[in-house]
Amino acid sequence: MEKYHTLIESANLHFKNADHMIFITYPLLNDPKLMMTIVEKLYTSVLLAIKAILHYDYLYKNISFVPEKEEEQVKLFKEHTVKQYHLGKEILLAIAELKDLVDFRKKSPIEFVRKNNFIVCSAGYTTKTINFQKIKKYAQEIKYFLMQINNVVKNGF
């Protein structure tokens, strides 16, 4: 099995776990603290899908190498893959927002829940708010993105 098959299956699994958390676990527990876990799963799913499509392109000689660093992979994806496979600009925005949330949380000393929103606060008291509607919107965009990537990887564009 090619590396890109393993990567896309892993991306699909992470998305499936996030989707389950969105539509089953979260409504059952109604705990806003789960929101960041869902965001991290969605972001991991996107990164694995990006890596899969880059490995696919490398195998079929559409690109000369696959960068090791995550930032370089996303940059190559934006510059090359989005244009080649006619992927929507919405996914680029969703990727940037998810990355921003994940990075912001890693640096933040304080996070709390207020009115069903999960709020992450930096040391300088700037905040980022996550709510269930945003997460569902991200999931919808990522689901469509994964369908496109699966189509390319499994059917050859």
Protein backbone atom coordinates (compact mmCIF):
# COMPACT_ATOMS: atom_id res chain seq x y z
CA MET A 1 0.00 0.00 0.00
CA GLU A 2 1.32 3.41 -0.97
CA LYS A 3 2.07 5.97 1.71
CA TYR A 4 -0.65 8.31 0.50
CA HIS A 5 -3.26 5.56 1.01
CA THR A 6 -2.22 5.19 4.64
CA LEU A 7 -2.26 8.95 5.16
CA ILE A 8 -5.69 9.49 3.63
CA GLU A 9 -7.15 6.60 5.64
CA SER A 10 -5.72 8.15 8.79
CA ALA A 11 -7.18 11.55 7.81
CA ASN A 12 -10.56 9.94 7.25
CA LEU A 13 -10.38 8.21 10.63
CA HIS A 14 -9.55 11.46 12.45
CA PHE A 15 -12.44 13.18 10.69
CA LYS A 16 -14.78 10.32 11.54
CA ASN A 17 -13.79 10.63 15.22
CA ALA A 18 -14.34 14.40 15.16
CA ASP A 19 -17.68 13.95 13.40
CA HIS A 20 -18.77 11.45 16.04
CA MET A 21 -17.77 13.87 18.78
CA ILE A 22 -19.72 16.69 17.09
CA PHE A 23 -22.97 14.84 16.50
CA ILE A 24 -23.03 12.19 19.25
CA THR A 25 -20.66 12.92 22.14
CA TYR A 26 -21.05 16.71 22.42
CA PRO A 27 -24.88 16.75 22.35
CA LEU A 28 -24.91 13.94 24.89
CA LEU A 29 -22.47 15.55 27.34
CA ASN A 30 -22.99 19.21 26.39
CA ASP A 31 -19.50 20.03 27.63
CA PRO A 32 -17.88 22.98 25.79
CA LYS A 33 -14.43 21.72 26.84
CA LEU A 34 -14.80 19.07 24.12
CA MET A 35 -14.73 21.79 21.47
CA MET A 36 -10.94 22.16 21.49
CA THR A 37 -10.49 18.40 21.19
CA ILE A 38 -12.77 18.45 18.16
CA VAL A 39 -10.84 21.37 16.65
CA GLU A 40 -7.56 19.50 17.12
CA LYS A 41 -8.99 16.35 15.49
CA LEU A 42 -10.27 18.36 12.53
CA TYR A 43 -6.91 20.11 12.13
CA THR A 44 -5.03 16.80 12.30
CA SER A 45 -7.37 15.39 9.66
CA VAL A 46 -6.66 18.30 7.33
CA LEU A 47 -2.90 18.04 7.81
CA LEU A 48 -2.94 14.32 7.07
CA ALA A 49 -5.04 14.90 3.94
CA ILE A 50 -2.60 17.57 2.77
CA LYS A 51 0.30 15.23 3.36
CA ALA A 52 -1.53 12.46 1.47
CA ILE A 53 -2.19 14.59 -1.61
CA LEU A 54 1.41 15.83 -1.61
CA HIS A 55 2.71 12.24 -1.48
CA TYR A 56 0.30 11.36 -4.29
CA ASP A 57 1.60 14.26 -6.38
CA TYR A 58 5.19 13.27 -5.61
CA LEU A 59 4.57 9.68 -6.67
CA TYR A 60 3.09 10.84 -9.98
CA LYS A 61 5.86 13.42 -10.48
CA ASN A 62 3.65 16.51 -10.19
CA ILE A 63 5.99 17.89 -7.51
CA SER A 64 9.70 17.26 -6.99
CA PHE A 65 9.65 16.66 -3.21
CA VAL A 66 7.45 16.56 -0.12
CA PRO A 67 8.69 18.95 2.57
CA GLU A 68 9.25 17.61 6.07
CA LYS A 69 7.91 20.61 7.99
CA GLU A 70 4.19 21.18 8.41
CA GLU A 71 4.38 24.88 7.45
CA GLU A 72 6.22 24.08 4.23
CA GLN A 73 3.72 21.34 3.36
CA VAL A 74 0.80 23.74 3.81
CA LYS A 75 2.62 26.40 1.75
CA LEU A 76 3.25 23.93 -1.11
CA PHE A 77 -0.36 22.80 -0.87
CA LYS A 78 -1.58 26.41 -1.18
CA GLU A 79 0.74 27.25 -4.07
CA HIS A 80 0.43 24.05 -6.09
CA THR A 81 -2.30 21.64 -5.12
CA VAL A 82 -5.20 24.05 -4.65
CA LYS A 83 -4.76 25.34 -8.20
CA GLN A 84 -4.08 21.96 -9.78
CA TYR A 85 -7.16 20.23 -8.35
CA HIS A 86 -9.41 23.31 -8.30
CA LEU A 87 -10.00 23.16 -4.56
CA GLY A 88 -12.04 25.97 -3.01
CA LYS A 89 -10.53 28.93 -1.20
CA GLU A 90 -12.82 28.19 1.76
CA ILE A 91 -10.62 25.30 2.83
CA LEU A 92 -7.58 27.59 2.97
CA LEU A 93 -9.44 29.93 5.28
CA ALA A 94 -10.61 27.03 7.46
CA ILE A 95 -7.05 25.64 7.65
CA ALA A 96 -5.68 29.03 8.67
CA GLU A 97 -8.36 29.50 11.35
CA LEU A 98 -7.89 26.00 12.76
CA LYS A 99 -4.10 26.43 12.87
CA ASP A 100 -4.52 29.79 14.56
CA LEU A 101 -6.82 28.28 17.21
CA VAL A 102 -4.53 25.31 17.89
CA ASP A 103 -1.40 27.49 18.10
CA PHE A 104 -3.15 30.12 20.22
CA ARG A 105 -4.27 27.47 22.69
CA LYS A 106 -0.75 26.02 23.01
CA LYS A 107 0.55 29.46 24.07
CA SER A 108 -2.35 30.49 26.27
CA PRO A 109 -2.28 30.14 30.05
CA ILE A 110 -6.03 30.54 30.55
CA GLU A 111 -9.10 28.94 29.02
CA PHE A 112 -12.64 28.90 30.31
CA VAL A 113 -16.28 28.32 29.38
CA ARG A 114 -18.88 31.07 29.19
CA LYS A 115 -22.42 30.73 27.79
CA ASN A 116 -21.65 27.54 25.83
CA ASN A 117 -18.55 29.14 24.28
CA PHE A 118 -15.03 27.92 24.87
CA ILE A 119 -12.77 30.93 25.35
CA VAL A 120 -8.99 30.82 25.13
CA CYS A 121 -7.17 33.80 26.63
CA SER A 122 -3.54 34.76 26.06
CA ALA A 123 -1.18 36.27 28.62
CA GLY A 124 -1.95 39.68 27.08
CA TYR A 125 -5.70 39.06 27.53
CA THR A 126 -6.52 38.72 23.86
CA THR A 127 -9.17 36.07 23.39
CA LYS A 128 -10.37 33.57 20.81
CA THR A 129 -13.86 32.13 21.10
CA ILE A 130 -15.03 28.78 19.80
CA ASN A 131 -18.66 27.79 19.64
CA PHE A 132 -20.54 24.77 18.37
CA GLN A 133 -21.75 26.52 15.19
CA LYS A 134 -18.18 27.37 14.16
CA ILE A 135 -17.10 23.79 14.72
CA LYS A 136 -19.97 22.45 12.63
CA LYS A 137 -19.05 24.91 9.85
CA TYR A 138 -15.41 23.75 9.94
CA ALA A 139 -16.53 20.12 9.88
CA GLN A 140 -18.74 20.72 6.86
CA GLU A 141 -15.91 22.40 4.92
CA ILE A 142 -13.42 19.70 5.87
CA LYS A 143 -15.85 16.94 4.94
CA TYR A 144 -16.19 18.41 1.44
CA PHE A 145 -12.40 18.85 1.23
CA LEU A 146 -11.81 15.23 2.25
CA MET A 147 -14.31 14.04 -0.35
CA GLN A 148 -12.33 15.93 -3.00
CA ILE A 149 -8.98 14.55 -1.81
CA ASN A 150 -10.36 11.01 -1.56
CA ASN A 151 -11.66 11.34 -5.10
CA VAL A 152 -8.26 12.43 -6.39
CA VAL A 153 -6.28 9.82 -4.48
CA LYS A 154 -8.60 6.89 -5.19
CA ASN A 155 -9.79 7.77 -8.69
CA GLY A 156 -6.92 9.82 -10.08
CA PHE A 157 -8.58 13.26 -10.40
